[in-house]
């Protein structure tokens, strides 16, 4: 018996029916707000009670136990209470369940389409966050890595402040290198912004070093671009067609036009 889940009992309906019902429970929990989900749990005929409560309990827990399934925390708490997955008198079990629910909630917030909930989650008392702002901040921590663009963005004190708050809500500050990140966040982008926000927020010498490195990288890329343009122009001017045209233009008129 683990937190109200009997692992040793043989059930009459078989695993497929219980697993199908568990899938519906998880799917409804992902799509419904807490009040609607609570009503669904109370009113759904297949849950009054399910033909095999123990198997449904176990199958639902197996889908959520790793903490990587996108699932709103309020709905997870409803399931934990319904299925008695933990002992409320145990501080350790309460802490573990809260951490598990928080992990799944972050994954759920970052699912495309949940930007409104994400913006509410990142909102400060005196600094509301719009859906567009929430989407922009997440984009800086995910997707393709553009180091020059990121360094230029990090020169802005306002952007650094926004990203520091974003990291606080989505990853935790200070950022630990060994901590698993909720998808679609990318470790390279997260570690860059963590370092940039920390260095630029606390140290003037670090700010100057960061600025010099950004300028140096921009100059290096500019030189590389100019060199590539020069090479292409040289290759074009040395092509056979251009050479014949140049020779014709140097001949006297009567030779160029027999």
C-alpha atoms as a PDB file:
ATOM      1  CA  UNK A   1       0.000   0.000   0.000  1.00  0.00           C
ATOM      2  CA  UNK A   2       1.553   3.343  -1.083  1.00  0.00           C
ATOM      3  CA  UNK A   3      -0.308   6.543  -0.197  1.00  0.00           C
ATOM      4  CA  UNK A   4      -3.703   4.921  -0.615  1.00  0.00           C
ATOM      5  CA  UNK A   5      -2.712   2.876  -3.688  1.00  0.00           C
ATOM      6  CA  UNK A   6      -2.945  -0.904  -3.395  1.00  0.00           C
ATOM      7  CA  UNK A   7      -0.276  -2.402  -5.656  1.00  0.00           C
ATOM      8  CA  UNK A   8      -1.035  -6.029  -4.931  1.00  0.00           C
ATOM      9  CA  UNK A   9      -4.743  -6.415  -5.588  1.00  0.00           C
ATOM     10  CA  UNK A  10      -6.057  -8.122  -8.714  1.00  0.00           C
ATOM     11  CA  UNK A  11      -8.937  -6.158 -10.248  1.00  0.00           C
ATOM     12  CA  UNK A  12     -11.865  -7.469 -12.208  1.00  0.00           C
ATOM     13  CA  UNK A  13     -12.111  -4.928 -14.996  1.00  0.00           C
ATOM     14  CA  UNK A  14      -8.519  -5.352 -16.211  1.00  0.00           C
ATOM     15  CA  UNK A  15      -5.919  -2.663 -16.778  1.00  0.00           C
ATOM     16  CA  UNK A  16      -7.194  -1.327 -20.092  1.00  0.00           C
ATOM     17  CA  UNK A  17     -10.471   0.066 -18.734  1.00  0.00           C
ATOM     18  CA  UNK A  18      -8.735   1.634 -15.741  1.00  0.00           C
ATOM     19  CA  UNK A  19      -6.009   3.140 -17.908  1.00  0.00           C
ATOM     20  CA  UNK A  20      -8.552   4.573 -20.348  1.00  0.00           C
ATOM     21  CA  UNK A  21     -10.404   6.204 -17.462  1.00  0.00           C
ATOM     22  CA  UNK A  22      -7.120   7.507 -16.029  1.00  0.00           C
ATOM     23  CA  UNK A  23      -6.321   9.060 -19.403  1.00  0.00           C
ATOM     24  CA  UNK A  24      -9.693  10.827 -19.390  1.00  0.00           C
ATOM     25  CA  UNK A  25      -9.117  12.073 -15.860  1.00  0.00           C
ATOM     26  CA  UNK A  26      -5.720  13.518 -16.774  1.00  0.00           C
ATOM     27  CA  UNK A  27      -7.013  15.019 -20.018  1.00  0.00           C
ATOM     28  CA  UNK A  28      -9.935  16.709 -18.264  1.00  0.00           C
ATOM     29  CA  UNK A  29      -7.648  17.962 -15.525  1.00  0.00           C
ATOM     30  CA  UNK A  30      -5.386  19.567 -18.116  1.00  0.00           C
ATOM     31  CA  UNK A  31      -8.235  21.270 -19.957  1.00  0.00           C
ATOM     32  CA  UNK A  32     -10.618  22.402 -17.197  1.00  0.00           C
ATOM     33  CA  UNK A  33     -10.338  25.176 -14.633  1.00  0.00           C
ATOM     34  CA  UNK A  34     -10.418  24.038 -10.965  1.00  0.00           C
ATOM     35  CA  UNK A  35     -14.128  24.696 -10.379  1.00  0.00           C
ATOM     36  CA  UNK A  36     -15.146  22.958 -13.605  1.00  0.00           C
ATOM     37  CA  UNK A  37     -12.830  20.032 -12.885  1.00  0.00           C
ATOM     38  CA  UNK A  38     -14.253  19.623  -9.380  1.00  0.00           C
ATOM     39  CA  UNK A  39     -17.774  19.524 -10.824  1.00  0.00           C
ATOM     40  CA  UNK A  40     -16.708  16.978 -13.439  1.00  0.00           C
ATOM     41  CA  UNK A  41     -15.182  14.736 -10.788  1.00  0.00           C
ATOM     42  CA  UNK A  42     -18.399  14.875  -8.778  1.00  0.00           C
ATOM     43  CA  UNK A  43     -20.882  14.480 -11.622  1.00  0.00           C
ATOM     44  CA  UNK A  44     -19.207  12.198 -14.177  1.00  0.00           C
ATOM     45  CA  UNK A  45     -21.145   8.892 -14.164  1.00  0.00           C
ATOM     46  CA  UNK A  46     -18.041   6.794 -14.757  1.00  0.00           C
ATOM     47  CA  UNK A  47     -16.515   8.133 -11.534  1.00  0.00           C
ATOM     48  CA  UNK A  48     -19.541   7.422  -9.256  1.00  0.00           C
ATOM     49  CA  UNK A  49     -17.683   5.334  -8.191  1.00  0.00           C
ATOM     50  CA  UNK A  50     -15.529   3.759 -10.911  1.00  0.00           C
ATOM     51  CA  UNK A  51     -15.970   0.038 -11.367  1.00  0.00           C
ATOM     52  CA  UNK A  52     -12.456  -0.517 -10.078  1.00  0.00           C
ATOM     53  CA  UNK A  53     -11.367   2.416  -7.928  1.00  0.00           C
ATOM     54  CA  UNK A  54      -8.012   0.901  -6.957  1.00  0.00           C
ATOM     55  CA  UNK A  55      -6.904   0.322 -10.550  1.00  0.00           C
ATOM     56  CA  UNK A  56      -8.035   3.803 -11.613  1.00  0.00           C
ATOM     57  CA  UNK A  57      -6.199   5.270  -8.632  1.00  0.00           C
ATOM     58  CA  UNK A  58      -2.969   3.515  -9.560  1.00  0.00           C
ATOM     59  CA  UNK A  59      -3.227   4.253 -13.295  1.00  0.00           C
ATOM     60  CA  UNK A  60      -3.852   7.954 -12.655  1.00  0.00           C
ATOM     61  CA  UNK A  61      -0.929   8.166 -10.232  1.00  0.00           C
ATOM     62  CA  UNK A  62       1.394   6.473 -12.732  1.00  0.00           C
ATOM     63  CA  UNK A  63       0.644   9.206 -15.270  1.00  0.00           C
ATOM     64  CA  UNK A  64       1.516  12.001 -12.856  1.00  0.00           C
ATOM     65  CA  UNK A  65       4.132  10.585 -10.506  1.00  0.00           C
ATOM     66  CA  UNK A  66       7.200  11.709 -12.514  1.00  0.00           C
ATOM     67  CA  UNK A  67       6.253  15.377 -12.339  1.00  0.00           C
ATOM     68  CA  UNK A  68       6.795  16.023 -16.048  1.00  0.00           C
ATOM     69  CA  UNK A  69       3.166  15.815 -17.191  1.00  0.00           C
ATOM     70  CA  UNK A  70       1.686  19.277 -17.846  1.00  0.00           C
ATOM     71  CA  UNK A  71      -1.037  19.548 -15.209  1.00  0.00           C
ATOM     72  CA  UNK A  72      -2.429  22.517 -13.222  1.00  0.00           C
ATOM     73  CA  UNK A  73      -1.540  22.335  -9.548  1.00  0.00           C
ATOM     74  CA  UNK A  74      -5.025  23.091  -8.232  1.00  0.00           C
ATOM     75  CA  UNK A  75      -6.461  20.145 -10.164  1.00  0.00           C
ATOM     76  CA  UNK A  76      -3.628  17.882  -9.028  1.00  0.00           C
ATOM     77  CA  UNK A  77      -4.442  18.739  -5.414  1.00  0.00           C
ATOM     78  CA  UNK A  78      -8.058  17.733  -6.035  1.00  0.00           C
ATOM     79  CA  UNK A  79      -6.941  14.353  -7.353  1.00  0.00           C
ATOM     80  CA  UNK A  80      -4.501  13.870  -4.485  1.00  0.00           C
ATOM     81  CA  UNK A  81      -7.320  14.477  -2.007  1.00  0.00           C
ATOM     82  CA  UNK A  82      -9.784  12.279  -3.865  1.00  0.00           C
ATOM     83  CA  UNK A  83      -7.419   9.330  -4.212  1.00  0.00           C
ATOM     84  CA  UNK A  84      -5.666   9.924  -0.863  1.00  0.00           C
ATOM     85  CA  UNK A  85      -2.197   9.879  -2.361  1.00  0.00           C
ATOM     86  CA  UNK A  86      -0.515  11.242   0.757  1.00  0.00           C
ATOM     87  CA  UNK A  87      -0.900  11.620   4.501  1.00  0.00           C
ATOM     88  CA  UNK A  88      -1.823  15.199   5.401  1.00  0.00           C
ATOM     89  CA  UNK A  89      -0.311  14.721   8.848  1.00  0.00           C
ATOM     90  CA  UNK A  90       3.105  13.986   7.331  1.00  0.00           C
ATOM     91  CA  UNK A  91       5.090  17.172   6.710  1.00  0.00           C
ATOM     92  CA  UNK A  92       7.448  15.338   4.358  1.00  0.00           C
ATOM     93  CA  UNK A  93       4.639  13.885   2.237  1.00  0.00           C
ATOM     94  CA  UNK A  94       2.882  17.256   2.081  1.00  0.00           C
ATOM     95  CA  UNK A  95       6.113  18.901   0.939  1.00  0.00           C
ATOM     96  CA  UNK A  96       6.803  16.221  -1.675  1.00  0.00           C
ATOM     97  CA  UNK A  97       3.283  16.450  -3.081  1.00  0.00           C
ATOM     98  CA  UNK A  98       3.442  20.244  -3.225  1.00  0.00           C
ATOM     99  CA  UNK A  99       6.773  20.069  -5.071  1.00  0.00           C
ATOM    100  CA  UNK A 100       5.378  17.486  -7.499  1.00  0.00           C
ATOM    101  CA  UNK A 101       2.310  19.610  -8.170  1.00  0.00           C
ATOM    102  CA  UNK A 102       4.422  22.732  -8.676  1.00  0.00           C
ATOM    103  CA  UNK A 103       6.665  20.937 -11.180  1.00  0.00           C
ATOM    104  CA  UNK A 104       3.694  19.809 -13.263  1.00  0.00           C
ATOM    105  CA  UNK A 105       2.086  23.239 -12.993  1.00  0.00           C
ATOM    106  CA  UNK A 106       5.165  24.890 -14.539  1.00  0.00           C
ATOM    107  CA  UNK A 107       5.079  22.383 -17.397  1.00  0.00           C
ATOM    108  CA  UNK A 108       1.391  23.168 -17.911  1.00  0.00           C
ATOM    109  CA  UNK A 109       1.956  26.949 -17.892  1.00  0.00           C
ATOM    110  CA  UNK A 110       4.535  26.602 -20.672  1.00  0.00           C
ATOM    111  CA  UNK A 111       2.223  24.644 -22.979  1.00  0.00           C
ATOM    112  CA  UNK A 112       1.228  26.812 -25.995  1.00  0.00           C
ATOM    113  CA  UNK A 113      -2.234  28.212 -25.413  1.00  0.00           C
ATOM    114  CA  UNK A 114      -1.793  28.719 -21.665  1.00  0.00           C
ATOM    115  CA  UNK A 115      -0.091  32.113 -21.965  1.00  0.00           C
ATOM    116  CA  UNK A 116      -2.927  33.868 -20.126  1.00  0.00           C
ATOM    117  CA  UNK A 117      -2.386  31.683 -17.068  1.00  0.00           C
ATOM    118  CA  UNK A 118       1.380  32.127 -17.457  1.00  0.00           C
ATOM    119  CA  UNK A 119       1.019  35.911 -17.474  1.00  0.00           C
ATOM    120  CA  UNK A 120      -1.084  35.775 -14.298  1.00  0.00           C
ATOM    121  CA  UNK A 121       1.478  33.508 -12.668  1.00  0.00           C
ATOM    122  CA  UNK A 122       4.363  35.889 -13.408  1.00  0.00           C
ATOM    123  CA  UNK A 123       2.446  39.006 -12.419  1.00  0.00           C
ATOM    124  CA  UNK A 124       3.807  41.127  -9.584  1.00  0.00           C
ATOM    125  CA  UNK A 125       1.586  43.270  -7.389  1.00  0.00           C
ATOM    126  CA  UNK A 126       2.716  46.503  -9.048  1.00  0.00           C
ATOM    127  CA  UNK A 127       3.954  45.115 -12.362  1.00  0.00           C
ATOM    128  CA  UNK A 128       1.346  43.250 -14.431  1.00  0.00           C
ATOM    129  CA  UNK A 129       2.597  41.013 -17.229  1.00  0.00           C
ATOM    130  CA  UNK A 130       0.721  40.848 -20.524  1.00  0.00           C
ATOM    131  CA  UNK A 131       0.296  37.728 -22.621  1.00  0.00           C
ATOM    132  CA  UNK A 132       2.653  39.157 -25.259  1.00  0.00           C
ATOM    133  CA  UNK A 133       5.289  39.908 -22.621  1.00  0.00           C
ATOM    134  CA  UNK A 134       4.995  36.427 -21.162  1.00  0.00           C
ATOM    135  CA  UNK A 135       5.402  34.880 -24.604  1.00  0.00           C
ATOM    136  CA  UNK A 136       8.437  37.082 -25.349  1.00  0.00           C
ATOM    137  CA  UNK A 137      10.173  36.187 -22.100  1.00  0.00           C
ATOM    138  CA  UNK A 138       9.688  32.466 -22.617  1.00  0.00           C
ATOM    139  CA  UNK A 139      10.985  32.822 -26.193  1.00  0.00           C
ATOM    140  CA  UNK A 140      14.260  34.231 -24.819  1.00  0.00           C
ATOM    141  CA  UNK A 141      14.691  31.058 -22.766  1.00  0.00           C
ATOM    142  CA  UNK A 142      13.766  28.612 -25.525  1.00  0.00           C
ATOM    143  CA  UNK A 143      14.044  28.083 -29.259  1.00  0.00           C
ATOM    144  CA  UNK A 144      17.176  28.620 -31.381  1.00  0.00           C
ATOM    145  CA  UNK A 145      20.185  30.177 -29.656  1.00  0.00           C
ATOM    146  CA  UNK A 146      21.262  33.597 -30.974  1.00  0.00           C
ATOM    147  CA  UNK A 147      24.177  34.734 -28.764  1.00  0.00           C
ATOM    148  CA  UNK A 148      24.661  38.196 -30.254  1.00  0.00           C
ATOM    149  CA  UNK A 149      20.969  39.025 -30.046  1.00  0.00           C
ATOM    150  CA  UNK A 150      20.845  37.786 -26.466  1.00  0.00           C
ATOM    151  CA  UNK A 151      23.888  39.852 -25.462  1.00  0.00           C
ATOM    152  CA  UNK A 152      22.431  42.984 -27.019  1.00  0.00           C
ATOM    153  CA  UNK A 153      19.113  42.392 -25.239  1.00  0.00           C
ATOM    154  CA  UNK A 154      20.949  41.847 -21.957  1.00  0.00           C
ATOM    155  CA  UNK A 155      22.474  45.338 -22.149  1.00  0.00           C
ATOM    156  CA  UNK A 156      19.059  46.737 -21.196  1.00  0.00           C
ATOM    157  CA  UNK A 157      18.578  47.064 -17.430  1.00  0.00           C
ATOM    158  CA  UNK A 158      14.825  46.669 -17.883  1.00  0.00           C
ATOM    159  CA  UNK A 159      15.238  43.437 -19.849  1.00  0.00           C
ATOM    160  CA  UNK A 160      17.629  42.062 -17.246  1.00  0.00           C
ATOM    161  CA  UNK A 161      15.128  42.825 -14.505  1.00  0.00           C
ATOM    162  CA  UNK A 162      12.313  41.154 -16.453  1.00  0.00           C
ATOM    163  CA  UNK A 163      14.380  38.051 -17.122  1.00  0.00           C
ATOM    164  CA  UNK A 164      15.521  37.818 -13.520  1.00  0.00           C
ATOM    165  CA  UNK A 165      11.874  37.803 -12.424  1.00  0.00           C
ATOM    166  CA  UNK A 166      11.051  35.257 -15.129  1.00  0.00           C
ATOM    167  CA  UNK A 167      13.829  32.936 -13.977  1.00  0.00           C
ATOM    168  CA  UNK A 168      12.621  33.318 -10.408  1.00  0.00           C
ATOM    169  CA  UNK A 169       9.137  32.139 -11.338  1.00  0.00           C
ATOM    170  CA  UNK A 170       9.979  29.428 -13.874  1.00  0.00           C
ATOM    171  CA  UNK A 171      13.300  27.981 -12.697  1.00  0.00           C
ATOM    172  CA  UNK A 172      14.244  29.425  -9.321  1.00  0.00           C
ATOM    173  CA  UNK A 173      17.039  31.832  -8.387  1.00  0.00           C
ATOM    174  CA  UNK A 174      19.890  31.098  -8.129  1.00  0.00           C
ATOM    175  CA  UNK A 175      19.708  28.748 -11.100  1.00  0.00           C
ATOM    176  CA  UNK A 176      21.268  25.368 -10.353  1.00  0.00           C
ATOM    177  CA  UNK A 177      23.041  23.684 -13.268  1.00  0.00           C
ATOM    178  CA  UNK A 178      21.812  20.219 -12.249  1.00  0.00           C
ATOM    179  CA  UNK A 179      18.117  21.130 -11.983  1.00  0.00           C
ATOM    180  CA  UNK A 180      15.929  19.742 -14.770  1.00  0.00           C
ATOM    181  CA  UNK A 181      14.198  22.452 -16.774  1.00  0.00           C
ATOM    182  CA  UNK A 182      10.542  22.317 -17.809  1.00  0.00           C
ATOM    183  CA  UNK A 183      10.159  22.113 -21.590  1.00  0.00           C
ATOM    184  CA  UNK A 184      10.557  24.062 -23.829  1.00  0.00           C
ATOM    185  CA  UNK A 185      13.207  25.940 -21.799  1.00  0.00           C
ATOM    186  CA  UNK A 186      16.761  25.392 -23.059  1.00  0.00           C
ATOM    187  CA  UNK A 187      19.694  25.109 -20.647  1.00  0.00           C
ATOM    188  CA  UNK A 188      22.046  27.288 -22.703  1.00  0.00           C
ATOM    189  CA  UNK A 189      19.589  30.185 -22.791  1.00  0.00           C
ATOM    190  CA  UNK A 190      18.647  29.791 -19.130  1.00  0.00           C
ATOM    191  CA  UNK A 191      22.266  29.710 -17.955  1.00  0.00           C
ATOM    192  CA  UNK A 192      23.134  32.722 -20.123  1.00  0.00           C
ATOM    193  CA  UNK A 193      20.356  34.851 -18.670  1.00  0.00           C
ATOM    194  CA  UNK A 194      21.082  33.654 -15.148  1.00  0.00           C
ATOM    195  CA  UNK A 195      24.728  34.686 -15.505  1.00  0.00           C
ATOM    196  CA  UNK A 196      23.899  37.945 -17.275  1.00  0.00           C
ATOM    197  CA  UNK A 197      21.291  39.006 -14.727  1.00  0.00           C
ATOM    198  CA  UNK A 198      23.486  38.101 -11.774  1.00  0.00           C
ATOM    199  CA  UNK A 199      26.677  39.714 -13.090  1.00  0.00           C
ATOM    200  CA  UNK A 200      25.059  42.842 -14.449  1.00  0.00           C
ATOM    201  CA  UNK A 201      22.835  43.302 -11.432  1.00  0.00           C
ATOM    202  CA  UNK A 202      25.575  43.241  -8.793  1.00  0.00           C
ATOM    203  CA  UNK A 203      28.901  44.308 -10.261  1.00  0.00           C
ATOM    204  CA  UNK A 204      29.996  47.369 -12.246  1.00  0.00           C
ATOM    205  CA  UNK A 205      33.246  45.665 -13.426  1.00  0.00           C
ATOM    206  CA  UNK A 206      31.192  42.674 -14.557  1.00  0.00           C
ATOM    207  CA  UNK A 207      28.907  45.015 -16.456  1.00  0.00           C
ATOM    208  CA  UNK A 208      31.881  46.564 -18.213  1.00  0.00           C
ATOM    209  CA  UNK A 209      33.338  43.162 -19.092  1.00  0.00           C
ATOM    210  CA  UNK A 210      29.979  42.023 -20.430  1.00  0.00           C
ATOM    211  CA  UNK A 211      29.671  45.172 -22.551  1.00  0.00           C
ATOM    212  CA  UNK A 212      33.203  44.788 -23.946  1.00  0.00           C
ATOM    213  CA  UNK A 213      32.553  41.163 -24.846  1.00  0.00           C
ATOM    214  CA  UNK A 214      29.303  42.085 -26.559  1.00  0.00           C
ATOM    215  CA  UNK A 215      30.990  44.842 -28.584  1.00  0.00           C
ATOM    216  CA  UNK A 216      33.885  42.521 -29.473  1.00  0.00           C
ATOM    217  CA  UNK A 217      31.478  39.826 -30.646  1.00  0.00           C
ATOM    218  CA  UNK A 218      29.554  42.355 -32.733  1.00  0.00           C
ATOM    219  CA  UNK A 219      32.787  43.627 -34.331  1.00  0.00           C
ATOM    220  CA  UNK A 220      33.945  40.081 -35.024  1.00  0.00           C
ATOM    221  CA  UNK A 221      30.686  39.196 -36.745  1.00  0.00           C
ATOM    222  CA  UNK A 222      30.761  42.464 -38.703  1.00  0.00           C
ATOM    223  CA  UNK A 223      34.312  41.771 -39.911  1.00  0.00           C
ATOM    224  CA  UNK A 224      33.329  38.246 -40.892  1.00  0.00           C
ATOM    225  CA  UNK A 225      30.356  39.584 -42.841  1.00  0.00           C
ATOM    226  CA  UNK A 226      32.491  42.201 -44.634  1.00  0.00           C
ATOM    227  CA  UNK A 227      35.103  39.571 -45.468  1.00  0.00           C
ATOM    228  CA  UNK A 228      32.444  37.299 -46.925  1.00  0.00           C
ATOM    229  CA  UNK A 229      31.090  40.162 -49.041  1.00  0.00           C
ATOM    230  CA  UNK A 230      34.602  40.983 -50.293  1.00  0.00           C
ATOM    231  CA  UNK A 231      35.225  37.359 -51.231  1.00  0.00           C
ATOM    232  CA  UNK A 232      31.950  37.174 -53.136  1.00  0.00           C
ATOM    233  CA  UNK A 233      32.682  40.410 -54.990  1.00  0.00           C
ATOM    234  CA  UNK A 234      36.169  39.170 -55.872  1.00  0.00           C
ATOM    235  CA  UNK A 235      34.807  35.889 -57.158  1.00  0.00           C
ATOM    236  CA  UNK A 236      32.213  37.705 -59.250  1.00  0.00           C
ATOM    237  CA  UNK A 237      34.702  40.138 -60.775  1.00  0.00           C
ATOM    238  CA  UNK A 238      37.129  37.337 -61.703  1.00  0.00           C
ATOM    239  CA  UNK A 239      34.518  35.226 -63.501  1.00  0.00           C
ATOM    240  CA  UNK A 240      35.204  34.538 -67.277  1.00  0.00           C
ATOM    241  CA  UNK A 241      32.224  36.583 -68.461  1.00  0.00           C
ATOM    242  CA  UNK A 242      33.348  39.639 -66.570  1.00  0.00           C
ATOM    243  CA  UNK A 243      36.952  39.207 -67.785  1.00  0.00           C
ATOM    244  CA  UNK A 244      35.837  39.213 -71.455  1.00  0.00           C
ATOM    245  CA  UNK A 245      33.699  42.271 -70.800  1.00  0.00           C
ATOM    246  CA  UNK A 246      36.648  44.060 -69.214  1.00  0.00           C
ATOM    247  CA  UNK A 247      38.933  43.250 -72.180  1.00  0.00           C
ATOM    248  CA  UNK A 248      36.316  44.490 -74.664  1.00  0.00           C
ATOM    249  CA  UNK A 249      35.988  47.754 -72.809  1.00  0.00           C
ATOM    250  CA  UNK A 250      39.773  48.303 -73.041  1.00  0.00           C
ATOM    251  CA  UNK A 251      40.008  47.757 -76.851  1.00  0.00           C
ATOM    252  CA  UNK A 252      39.825  50.672 -79.323  1.00  0.00           C
ATOM    253  CA  UNK A 253      36.388  51.182 -80.805  1.00  0.00           C
ATOM    254  CA  UNK A 254      37.336  49.780 -84.227  1.00  0.00           C
ATOM    255  CA  UNK A 255      38.737  46.608 -82.619  1.00  0.00           C
ATOM    256  CA  UNK A 256      35.870  46.119 -80.251  1.00  0.00           C
ATOM    257  CA  UNK A 257      33.379  46.486 -83.144  1.00  0.00           C
ATOM    258  CA  UNK A 258      34.782  44.894 -86.374  1.00  0.00           C
END
